[in-house]
Amino acid sequence: MIIGAVVQLGLLAAAQVDIKRRTAEQLNGPRWMWMSVSLINFVGPIAYFVFGRRNQASELPASTGR
């Protein structure tokens, strides 16, 4: 049970910090919604990391080939 609580709190903290650091353009949906969703046990933070962040791979500039 303690391990589950530690994992839950770790996911929650990681999601909350990531949401706060990203700009609105980097999120799929409003910031307040993802902050609220991330409070749902296990499912919320995982849903944010899967669905809440925009794919930045397509936004990165092409490599110079060095």
Protein backbone atom coordinates (compact mmCIF):
# COMPACT_ATOMS: atom_id res chain seq x y z
CA MET A 1 0.00 0.00 0.00
CA ILE A 2 2.86 2.36 0.77
CA ILE A 3 4.45 1.65 -2.61
CA GLY A 4 1.16 2.46 -4.34
CA ALA A 5 0.90 5.74 -2.47
CA VAL A 6 4.46 6.70 -3.39
CA VAL A 7 3.83 5.89 -7.06
CA GLN A 8 0.57 7.88 -7.03
CA LEU A 9 2.18 10.92 -5.43
CA GLY A 10 5.13 10.71 -7.81
CA LEU A 11 2.84 10.62 -10.84
CA LEU A 12 0.75 13.47 -9.46
CA ALA A 13 3.79 15.64 -8.74
CA ALA A 14 5.34 14.95 -12.14
CA ALA A 15 2.10 15.76 -13.97
CA GLN A 16 1.43 18.95 -12.00
CA VAL A 17 4.98 20.26 -12.55
CA ASP A 18 4.87 19.39 -16.25
CA ILE A 19 1.50 21.11 -16.71
CA LYS A 20 2.76 24.29 -15.03
CA ARG A 21 5.96 24.40 -17.12
CA ARG A 22 4.25 24.03 -20.51
CA THR A 23 2.73 26.86 -22.50
CA ALA A 24 -0.93 26.74 -23.50
CA GLU A 25 0.10 25.83 -27.05
CA GLN A 26 1.85 22.70 -25.78
CA LEU A 27 -1.28 21.33 -24.09
CA ASN A 28 -4.29 19.60 -25.60
CA GLY A 29 -7.01 21.49 -23.77
CA PRO A 30 -7.12 24.06 -21.00
CA ARG A 31 -4.55 24.00 -18.22
CA TRP A 32 -7.21 24.02 -15.45
CA MET A 33 -8.77 20.87 -16.92
CA TRP A 34 -5.50 18.92 -16.90
CA MET A 35 -4.65 20.15 -13.39
CA SER A 36 -8.03 18.78 -12.25
CA VAL A 37 -7.80 15.52 -14.21
CA SER A 38 -4.34 14.81 -12.80
CA LEU A 39 -5.86 14.66 -9.31
CA ILE A 40 -7.69 11.42 -10.18
CA ASN A 41 -5.79 8.45 -8.71
CA PHE A 42 -3.31 6.89 -11.16
CA VAL A 43 -5.62 7.36 -14.14
CA GLY A 44 -5.44 11.16 -14.19
CA PRO A 45 -1.67 11.65 -14.42
CA ILE A 46 -1.35 8.80 -16.91
CA ALA A 47 -4.15 10.28 -19.03
CA TYR A 48 -2.36 13.63 -19.00
CA PHE A 49 0.96 12.13 -20.12
CA VAL A 50 -0.77 10.13 -22.89
CA PHE A 51 -3.39 12.62 -24.12
CA GLY A 52 -2.68 16.03 -22.55
CA ARG A 53 0.62 16.94 -24.14
CA ARG A 54 0.99 17.86 -27.78
CA ASN A 55 3.48 15.89 -29.82
CA GLN A 56 6.56 18.08 -29.98
CA ALA A 57 8.43 15.83 -32.42
CA SER A 58 6.57 17.43 -35.32
CA GLU A 59 7.28 20.91 -33.96
CA LEU A 60 11.06 20.50 -33.64
CA PRO A 61 13.27 21.87 -36.42
CA ALA A 62 14.89 19.34 -38.73
CA SER A 63 18.38 18.25 -37.69
CA THR A 64 21.35 19.66 -39.58
CA GLY A 65 22.77 16.20 -40.20
CA ARG A 66 25.94 16.70 -38.20
